[in-house]
Amino acid sequence: MDIEKRFDRIELKLDQLSETVAVLARIDERLVSSHKRLDRHELRLDLLEGNIRDAETAMARVSGKGMVAERAAWVVFAAAIAAASKFF
């Protein structure tokens, strides 16, 4: 009788252990999928950062050329005003 009770307790504990292992396996699967998702998001963020950096560089180049053209236009305008005031 005592041996049967012991076996029943051992069997109950083994059942609990198998349930716990199943829960741990599900948690592990969730963690793996979360890590994969984070890796994918990190890759996408890196790509977006590269695109933003390229856009910033292009904007800086364009705005630099625009500033030079604007200054040249002001110089020409000032020269025209000076010439007009001298001759008229």
PDB file of N, CA and C in Angstrom:
ATOM      1  N   MET A   1       0.817  -1.190   0.000  1.00  0.00           N
ATOM      2  CA  MET A   1       0.000   0.000   0.000  1.00  0.00           C
ATOM      3  C   MET A   1       0.873   1.272   0.000  1.00  0.00           C
ATOM      4  N   ASP A   2       1.895   1.272   0.825  1.00  0.00           N
ATOM      5  CA  ASP A   2       2.788   2.424   0.875  1.00  0.00           C
ATOM      6  C   ASP A   2       3.516   2.617  -0.448  1.00  0.00           C
ATOM      7  N   ILE A   3       3.898   1.527  -1.059  1.00  0.00           N
ATOM      8  CA  ILE A   3       4.603   1.609  -2.331  1.00  0.00           C
ATOM      9  C   ILE A   3       3.696   2.193  -3.408  1.00  0.00           C
ATOM     10  N   GLU A   4       2.425   1.804  -3.396  1.00  0.00           N
ATOM     11  CA  GLU A   4       1.482   2.346  -4.385  1.00  0.00           C
ATOM     12  C   GLU A   4       1.278   3.840  -4.185  1.00  0.00           C
ATOM     13  N   LYS A   5       1.209   4.282  -2.928  1.00  0.00           N
ATOM     14  CA  LYS A   5       1.066   5.707  -2.645  1.00  0.00           C
ATOM     15  C   LYS A   5       2.304   6.472  -3.132  1.00  0.00           C
ATOM     16  N   ARG A   6       3.449   5.890  -2.886  1.00  0.00           N
ATOM     17  CA  ARG A   6       4.679   6.519  -3.331  1.00  0.00           C
ATOM     18  C   ARG A   6       4.719   6.604  -4.857  1.00  0.00           C
ATOM     19  N   PHE A   7       4.336   5.514  -5.512  1.00  0.00           N
ATOM     20  CA  PHE A   7       4.293   5.528  -6.969  1.00  0.00           C
ATOM     21  C   PHE A   7       3.297   6.559  -7.482  1.00  0.00           C
ATOM     22  N   ASP A   8       2.148   6.678  -6.828  1.00  0.00           N
ATOM     23  CA  ASP A   8       1.148   7.669  -7.235  1.00  0.00           C
ATOM     24  C   ASP A   8       1.702   9.079  -7.082  1.00  0.00           C
ATOM     25  N   ARG A   9       2.409   9.337  -5.972  1.00  0.00           N
ATOM     26  CA  ARG A   9       3.011  10.663  -5.769  1.00  0.00           C
ATOM     27  C   ARG A   9       4.097  10.934  -6.807  1.00  0.00           C
ATOM     28  N   ILE A  10       4.896   9.916  -7.083  1.00  0.00           N
ATOM     29  CA  ILE A  10       5.936  10.073  -8.096  1.00  0.00           C
ATOM     30  C   ILE A  10       5.300  10.329  -9.461  1.00  0.00           C
ATOM     31  N   GLU A  11       4.247   9.592  -9.769  1.00  0.00           N
ATOM     32  CA  GLU A  11       3.563   9.782 -11.044  1.00  0.00           C
ATOM     33  C   GLU A  11       2.948  11.180 -11.133  1.00  0.00           C
ATOM     34  N   LEU A  12       2.357  11.655 -10.041  1.00  0.00           N
ATOM     35  CA  LEU A  12       1.779  12.993 -10.001  1.00  0.00           C
ATOM     36  C   LEU A  12       2.864  14.040 -10.219  1.00  0.00           C
ATOM     37  N   LYS A  13       4.002  13.856  -9.557  1.00  0.00           N
ATOM     38  CA  LYS A  13       5.097  14.810  -9.722  1.00  0.00           C
ATOM     39  C   LYS A  13       5.660  14.768 -11.133  1.00  0.00           C
ATOM     40  N   LEU A  14       5.728  13.610 -11.739  1.00  0.00           N
ATOM     41  CA  LEU A  14       6.185  13.507 -13.120  1.00  0.00           C
ATOM     42  C   LEU A  14       5.210  14.205 -14.066  1.00  0.00           C
ATOM     43  N   ASP A  15       3.906  14.071 -13.794  1.00  0.00           N
ATOM     44  CA  ASP A  15       2.914  14.778 -14.609  1.00  0.00           C
ATOM     45  C   ASP A  15       3.078  16.288 -14.485  1.00  0.00           C
ATOM     46  N   GLN A  16       3.278  16.760 -13.245  1.00  0.00           N
ATOM     47  CA  GLN A  16       3.500  18.192 -13.038  1.00  0.00           C
ATOM     48  C   GLN A  16       4.774  18.655 -13.742  1.00  0.00           C
ATOM     49  N   LEU A  17       5.794  17.824 -13.672  1.00  0.00           N
ATOM     50  CA  LEU A  17       7.056  18.152 -14.329  1.00  0.00           C
ATOM     51  C   LEU A  17       6.885  18.228 -15.840  1.00  0.00           C
ATOM     52  N   SER A  18       6.139  17.290 -16.412  1.00  0.00           N
ATOM     53  CA  SER A  18       5.929  17.327 -17.864  1.00  0.00           C
ATOM     54  C   SER A  18       5.118  18.554 -18.267  1.00  0.00           C
ATOM     55  N   GLU A  19       4.138  18.950 -17.448  1.00  0.00           N
ATOM     56  CA  GLU A  19       3.380  20.175 -17.734  1.00  0.00           C
ATOM     57  C   GLU A  19       4.282  21.400 -17.654  1.00  0.00           C
ATOM     58  N   THR A  20       5.149  21.429 -16.666  1.00  0.00           N
ATOM     59  CA  THR A  20       6.071  22.554 -16.514  1.00  0.00           C
ATOM     60  C   THR A  20       7.041  22.626 -17.687  1.00  0.00           C
ATOM     61  N   VAL A  21       7.526  21.490 -18.123  1.00  0.00           N
ATOM     62  CA  VAL A  21       8.436  21.466 -19.272  1.00  0.00           C
ATOM     63  C   VAL A  21       7.713  21.958 -20.524  1.00  0.00           C
ATOM     64  N   ALA A  22       6.455  21.591 -20.688  1.00  0.00           N
ATOM     65  CA  ALA A  22       5.683  22.060 -21.841  1.00  0.00           C
ATOM     66  C   ALA A  22       5.514  23.579 -21.788  1.00  0.00           C
ATOM     67  N   VAL A  23       5.237  24.117 -20.605  1.00  0.00           N
ATOM     68  CA  VAL A  23       5.097  25.564 -20.446  1.00  0.00           C
ATOM     69  C   VAL A  23       6.429  26.248 -20.762  1.00  0.00           C
ATOM     70  N   LEU A  24       7.519  25.690 -20.271  1.00  0.00           N
ATOM     71  CA  LEU A  24       8.841  26.256 -20.542  1.00  0.00           C
ATOM     72  C   LEU A  24       9.157  26.224 -22.038  1.00  0.00           C
ATOM     73  N   ALA A  25       8.756  25.169 -22.716  1.00  0.00           N
ATOM     74  CA  ALA A  25       8.990  25.082 -24.160  1.00  0.00           C
ATOM     75  C   ALA A  25       8.227  26.184 -24.890  1.00  0.00           C
ATOM     76  N   ARG A  26       6.968  26.444 -24.461  1.00  0.00           N
ATOM     77  CA  ARG A  26       6.193  27.520 -25.088  1.00  0.00           C
ATOM     78  C   ARG A  26       6.834  28.880 -24.831  1.00  0.00           C
ATOM     79  N   ILE A  27       7.316  29.077 -23.616  1.00  0.00           N
ATOM     80  CA  ILE A  27       7.981  30.340 -23.285  1.00  0.00           C
ATOM     81  C   ILE A  27       9.242  30.505 -24.128  1.00  0.00           C
ATOM     82  N   ASP A  28       9.978  29.423 -24.302  1.00  0.00           N
ATOM     83  CA  ASP A  28      11.188  29.474 -25.125  1.00  0.00           C
ATOM     84  C   ASP A  28      10.853  29.824 -26.573  1.00  0.00           C
ATOM     85  N   GLU A  29       9.789  29.255 -27.100  1.00  0.00           N
ATOM     86  CA  GLU A  29       9.370  29.576 -28.471  1.00  0.00           C
ATOM     87  C   GLU A  29       9.015  31.053 -28.590  1.00  0.00           C
ATOM     88  N   ARG A  30       8.324  31.588 -27.586  1.00  0.00           N
ATOM     89  CA  ARG A  30       7.973  33.012 -27.609  1.00  0.00           C
ATOM     90  C   ARG A  30       9.227  33.871 -27.583  1.00  0.00           C
ATOM     91  N   LEU A  31      10.181  33.503 -26.742  1.00  0.00           N
ATOM     92  CA  LEU A  31      11.421  34.271 -26.658  1.00  0.00           C
ATOM     93  C   LEU A  31      12.182  34.248 -27.982  1.00  0.00           C
ATOM     94  N   VAL A  32      12.247  33.079 -28.587  1.00  0.00           N
ATOM     95  CA  VAL A  32      12.953  32.970 -29.874  1.00  0.00           C
ATOM     96  C   VAL A  32      12.272  33.834 -30.928  1.00  0.00           C
ATOM     97  N   SER A  33      10.942  33.785 -30.968  1.00  0.00           N
ATOM     98  CA  SER A  33      10.231  34.595 -31.966  1.00  0.00           C
ATOM     99  C   SER A  33      10.383  36.084 -31.670  1.00  0.00           C
ATOM    100  N   SER A  34      10.403  36.441 -30.390  1.00  0.00           N
ATOM    101  CA  SER A  34      10.612  37.853 -30.034  1.00  0.00           C
ATOM    102  C   SER A  34      11.992  38.324 -30.456  1.00  0.00           C
ATOM    103  N   HIS A  35      13.001  37.492 -30.243  1.00  0.00           N
ATOM    104  CA  HIS A  35      14.356  37.863 -30.651  1.00  0.00           C
ATOM    105  C   HIS A  35      14.456  37.991 -32.168  1.00  0.00           C
ATOM    106  N   LYS A  36      13.819  37.094 -32.887  1.00  0.00           N
ATOM    107  CA  LYS A  36      13.839  37.193 -34.351  1.00  0.00           C
ATOM    108  C   LYS A  36      13.163  38.475 -34.811  1.00  0.00           C
ATOM    109  N   ARG A  37      12.039  38.809 -34.178  1.00  0.00           N
ATOM    110  CA  ARG A  37      11.323  40.036 -34.533  1.00  0.00           C
ATOM    111  C   ARG A  37      12.169  41.259 -34.222  1.00  0.00           C
ATOM    112  N   LEU A  38      12.826  41.264 -33.073  1.00  0.00           N
ATOM    113  CA  LEU A  38      13.699  42.390 -32.722  1.00  0.00           C
ATOM    114  C   LEU A  38      14.858  42.522 -33.705  1.00  0.00           C
ATOM    115  N   ASP A  39      15.432  41.396 -34.100  1.00  0.00           N
ATOM    116  CA  ASP A  39      16.516  41.446 -35.086  1.00  0.00           C
ATOM    117  C   ASP A  39      16.038  42.045 -36.402  1.00  0.00           C
ATOM    118  N   ARG A  40      14.818  41.652 -36.807  1.00  0.00           N
ATOM    119  CA  ARG A  40      14.263  42.188 -38.051  1.00  0.00           C
ATOM    120  C   ARG A  40      14.018  43.692 -37.936  1.00  0.00           C
ATOM    121  N   HIS A  41      13.490  44.132 -36.788  1.00  0.00           N
ATOM    122  CA  HIS A  41      13.254  45.560 -36.588  1.00  0.00           C
ATOM    123  C   HIS A  41      14.573  46.337 -36.543  1.00  0.00           C
ATOM    124  N   GLU A  42      15.585  45.764 -35.918  1.00  0.00           N
ATOM    125  CA  GLU A  42      16.890  46.427 -35.889  1.00  0.00           C
ATOM    126  C   GLU A  42      17.451  46.587 -37.301  1.00  0.00           C
ATOM    127  N   LEU A  43      17.301  45.558 -38.118  1.00  0.00           N
ATOM    128  CA  LEU A  43      17.776  45.639 -39.495  1.00  0.00           C
ATOM    129  C   LEU A  43      17.034  46.735 -40.254  1.00  0.00           C
ATOM    130  N   ARG A  44      15.709  46.775 -40.077  1.00  0.00           N
ATOM    131  CA  ARG A  44      14.929  47.799 -40.763  1.00  0.00           C
ATOM    132  C   ARG A  44      15.300  49.195 -40.274  1.00  0.00           C
ATOM    133  N   LEU A  45      15.538  49.347 -38.969  1.00  0.00           N
ATOM    134  CA  LEU A  45      15.950  50.648 -38.441  1.00  0.00           C
ATOM    135  C   LEU A  45      17.306  51.064 -38.999  1.00  0.00           C
ATOM    136  N   ASP A  46      18.220  50.101 -39.119  1.00  0.00           N
ATOM    137  CA  ASP A  46      19.523  50.416 -39.700  1.00  0.00           C
ATOM    138  C   ASP A  46      19.375  50.896 -41.143  1.00  0.00           C
ATOM    139  N   LEU A  47      18.513  50.225 -41.901  1.00  0.00           N
ATOM    140  CA  LEU A  47      18.278  50.647 -43.286  1.00  0.00           C
ATOM    141  C   LEU A  47      17.662  52.041 -43.339  1.00  0.00           C
ATOM    142  N   LEU A  48      16.690  52.297 -42.454  1.00  0.00           N
ATOM    143  CA  LEU A  48      16.063  53.622 -42.431  1.00  0.00           C
ATOM    144  C   LEU A  48      17.054  54.705 -42.023  1.00  0.00           C
ATOM    145  N   GLU A  49      17.922  54.400 -41.064  1.00  0.00           N
ATOM    146  CA  GLU A  49      18.937  55.373 -40.660  1.00  0.00           C
ATOM    147  C   GLU A  49      19.884  55.684 -41.820  1.00  0.00           C
ATOM    148  N   GLY A  50      20.240  54.666 -42.584  1.00  0.00           N
ATOM    149  CA  GLY A  50      21.089  54.882 -43.758  1.00  0.00           C
ATOM    150  C   GLY A  50      20.395  55.761 -44.787  1.00  0.00           C
ATOM    151  N   ASN A  51      19.110  55.502 -45.018  1.00  0.00           N
ATOM    152  CA  ASN A  51      18.352  56.326 -45.970  1.00  0.00           C
ATOM    153  C   ASN A  51      18.248  57.768 -45.493  1.00  0.00           C
ATOM    154  N   ILE A  52      18.022  57.953 -44.200  1.00  0.00           N
ATOM    155  CA  ILE A  52      17.921  59.309 -43.655  1.00  0.00           C
ATOM    156  C   ILE A  52      19.260  60.025 -43.789  1.00  0.00           C
ATOM    157  N   ARG A  53      20.343  59.318 -43.502  1.00  0.00           N
ATOM    158  CA  ARG A  53      21.675  59.919 -43.623  1.00  0.00           C
ATOM    159  C   ARG A  53      21.948  60.334 -45.068  1.00  0.00           C
ATOM    160  N   ASP A  54      21.569  59.478 -46.018  1.00  0.00           N
ATOM    161  CA  ASP A  54      21.746  59.823 -47.434  1.00  0.00           C
ATOM    162  C   ASP A  54      20.918  61.045 -47.818  1.00  0.00           C
ATOM    163  N   ALA A  55      19.675  61.098 -47.323  1.00  0.00           N
ATOM    164  CA  ALA A  55      18.808  62.239 -47.624  1.00  0.00           C
ATOM    165  C   ALA A  55      19.362  63.523 -47.015  1.00  0.00           C
ATOM    166  N   GLU A  56      19.887  63.419 -45.785  1.00  0.00           N
ATOM    167  CA  GLU A  56      20.476  64.603 -45.161  1.00  0.00           C
ATOM    168  C   GLU A  56      21.680  65.104 -45.953  1.00  0.00           C
ATOM    169  N   THR A  57      22.501  64.186 -46.426  1.00  0.00           N
ATOM    170  CA  THR A  57      23.675  64.573 -47.210  1.00  0.00           C
ATOM    171  C   THR A  57      23.249  65.247 -48.513  1.00  0.00           C
ATOM    172  N   ALA A  58      22.268  64.677 -49.175  1.00  0.00           N
ATOM    173  CA  ALA A  58      21.780  65.257 -50.425  1.00  0.00           C
ATOM    174  C   ALA A  58      21.174  66.639 -50.184  1.00  0.00           C
ATOM    175  N   MET A  59      20.419  66.772 -49.096  1.00  0.00           N
ATOM    176  CA  MET A  59      19.815  68.075 -48.784  1.00  0.00           C
ATOM    177  C   MET A  59      20.893  69.113 -48.482  1.00  0.00           C
ATOM    178  N   ALA A  60      21.939  68.710 -47.784  1.00  0.00           N
ATOM    179  CA  ALA A  60      23.018  69.644 -47.471  1.00  0.00           C
ATOM    180  C   ALA A  60      23.707  70.102 -48.751  1.00  0.00           C
ATOM    181  N   ARG A  61      23.933  69.164 -49.675  1.00  0.00           N
ATOM    182  CA  ARG A  61      24.556  69.535 -50.949  1.00  0.00           C
ATOM    183  C   ARG A  61      23.682  70.509 -51.726  1.00  0.00           C
ATOM    184  N   VAL A  62      22.391  70.206 -51.805  1.00  0.00           N
ATOM    185  CA  VAL A  62      21.473  71.053 -52.568  1.00  0.00           C
ATOM    186  C   VAL A  62      21.335  72.420 -51.918  1.00  0.00           C
ATOM    187  N   SER A  63      21.214  72.443 -50.590  1.00  0.00           N
ATOM    188  CA  SER A  63      21.054  73.739 -49.927  1.00  0.00           C
ATOM    189  C   SER A  63      22.339  74.557 -50.036  1.00  0.00           C
ATOM    190  N   GLY A  64      23.497  73.914 -50.019  1.00  0.00           N
ATOM    191  CA  GLY A  64      24.759  74.633 -50.197  1.00  0.00           C
ATOM    192  C   GLY A  64      24.830  75.279 -51.564  1.00  0.00           C
ATOM    193  N   LYS A  65      24.436  74.549 -52.594  1.00  0.00           N
ATOM    194  CA  LYS A  65      24.426  75.112 -53.948  1.00  0.00           C
ATOM    195  C   LYS A  65      23.400  76.226 -54.053  1.00  0.00           C
ATOM    196  N   GLY A  66      22.280  76.056 -53.382  1.00  0.00           N
ATOM    197  CA  GLY A  66      21.240  77.080 -53.403  1.00  0.00           C
ATOM    198  C   GLY A  66      21.700  78.362 -52.730  1.00  0.00           C
ATOM    199  N   MET A  67      22.431  78.214 -51.628  1.00  0.00           N
ATOM    200  CA  MET A  67      22.933  79.397 -50.932  1.00  0.00           C
ATOM    201  C   MET A  67      23.953  80.138 -51.788  1.00  0.00           C
ATOM    202  N   VAL A  68      24.803  79.395 -52.488  1.00  0.00           N
ATOM    203  CA  VAL A  68      25.784  80.027 -53.370  1.00  0.00           C
ATOM    204  C   VAL A  68      25.074  80.763 -54.498  1.00  0.00           C
ATOM    205  N   ALA A  69      24.072  80.151 -55.079  1.00  0.00           N
ATOM    206  CA  ALA A  69      23.327  80.798 -56.171  1.00  0.00           C
ATOM    207  C   ALA A  69      22.602  82.033 -55.663  1.00  0.00           C
ATOM    208  N   GLU A  70      22.032  81.959 -54.460  1.00  0.00           N
ATOM    209  CA  GLU A  70      21.326  83.113 -53.901  1.00  0.00           C
ATOM    210  C   GLU A  70      22.297  84.269 -53.647  1.00  0.00           C
ATOM    211  N   ARG A  71      23.446  83.969 -53.086  1.00  0.00           N
ATOM    212  CA  ARG A  71      24.435  85.021 -52.844  1.00  0.00           C
ATOM    213  C   ARG A  71      24.918  85.640 -54.160  1.00  0.00           C
ATOM    214  N   ALA A  72      25.126  84.787 -55.154  1.00  0.00           N
ATOM    215  CA  ALA A  72      25.545  85.311 -56.465  1.00  0.00           C
ATOM    216  C   ALA A  72      24.470  86.230 -57.028  1.00  0.00           C
ATOM    217  N   ALA A  73      23.215  85.870 -56.851  1.00  0.00           N
ATOM    218  CA  ALA A  73      22.118  86.709 -57.335  1.00  0.00           C
ATOM    219  C   ALA A  73      22.101  88.042 -56.598  1.00  0.00           C
ATOM    220  N   TRP A  74      22.332  88.036 -55.306  1.00  0.00           N
ATOM    221  CA  TRP A  74      22.378  89.284 -54.544  1.00  0.00           C
ATOM    222  C   TRP A  74      23.561  90.161 -54.970  1.00  0.00           C
ATOM    223  N   VAL A  75      24.697  89.525 -55.244  1.00  0.00           N
ATOM    224  CA  VAL A  75      25.860  90.288 -55.705  1.00  0.00           C
ATOM    225  C   VAL A  75      25.550  90.946 -57.042  1.00  0.00           C
ATOM    226  N   VAL A  76      24.950  90.197 -57.957  1.00  0.00           N
ATOM    227  CA  VAL A  76      24.592  90.753 -59.266  1.00  0.00           C
ATOM    228  C   VAL A  76      23.565  91.865 -59.091  1.00  0.00           C
ATOM    229  N   PHE A  77      22.591  91.671 -58.212  1.00  0.00           N
ATOM    230  CA  PHE A  77      21.567  92.686 -57.963  1.00  0.00           C
ATOM    231  C   PHE A  77      22.190  93.952 -57.380  1.00  0.00           C
ATOM    232  N   ALA A  78      23.091  93.780 -56.405  1.00  0.00           N
ATOM    233  CA  ALA A  78      23.749  94.941 -55.795  1.00  0.00           C
ATOM    234  C   ALA A  78      24.615  95.666 -56.823  1.00  0.00           C
ATOM    235  N   ALA A  79      25.291  94.913 -57.678  1.00  0.00           N
ATOM    236  CA  ALA A  79      26.110  95.530 -58.720  1.00  0.00           C
ATOM    237  C   ALA A  79      25.227  96.298 -59.697  1.00  0.00           C
ATOM    238  N   ALA A  80      24.080  95.754 -60.023  1.00  0.00           N
ATOM    239  CA  ALA A  80      23.157  96.433 -60.946  1.00  0.00           C
ATOM    240  C   ALA A  80      22.639  97.716 -60.318  1.00  0.00           C
ATOM    241  N   ILE A  81      22.308  97.667 -59.043  1.00  0.00           N
ATOM    242  CA  ILE A  81      21.825  98.871 -58.341  1.00  0.00           C
ATOM    243  C   ILE A  81      22.936  99.917 -58.285  1.00  0.00           C
ATOM    244  N   ALA A  82      24.154  99.481 -57.984  1.00  0.00           N
ATOM    245  CA  ALA A  82      25.287 100.410 -57.925  1.00  0.00           C
ATOM    246  C   ALA A  82      25.553 101.020 -59.286  1.00  0.00           C
ATOM    247  N   ALA A  83      25.508 100.208 -60.322  1.00  0.00           N
ATOM    248  CA  ALA A  83      25.730 100.720 -61.674  1.00  0.00           C
ATOM    249  C   ALA A  83      24.632 101.685 -62.073  1.00  0.00           C
ATOM    250  N   ALA A  84      23.389 101.352 -61.738  1.00  0.00           N
ATOM    251  CA  ALA A  84      22.257 102.214 -62.075  1.00  0.00           C
ATOM    252  C   ALA A  84      22.345 103.521 -61.334  1.00  0.00           C
ATOM    253  N   SER A  85      22.758 103.508 -60.077  1.00  0.00           N
ATOM    254  CA  SER A  85      22.851 104.760 -59.314  1.00  0.00           C
ATOM    255  C   SER A  85      24.016 105.620 -59.784  1.00  0.00           C
ATOM    256  N   LYS A  86      25.066 105.009 -60.301  1.00  0.00           N
ATOM    257  CA  LYS A  86      26.215 105.767 -60.780  1.00  0.00           C
ATOM    258  C   LYS A  86      25.907 106.442 -62.113  1.00  0.00           C
ATOM    259  N   PHE A  87      25.205 105.730 -63.013  1.00  0.00           N
ATOM    260  CA  PHE A  87      24.960 106.283 -64.341  1.00  0.00           C
ATOM    261  C   PHE A  87      23.702 107.119 -64.417  1.00  0.00           C
ATOM    262  N   PHE A  88      22.788 106.977 -63.505  1.00  0.00           N
ATOM    263  CA  PHE A  88      21.542 107.743 -63.613  1.00  0.00           C
ATOM    264  C   PHE A  88      21.422 108.723 -62.542  1.00  0.00           C
TER     265      PHE A  88
END
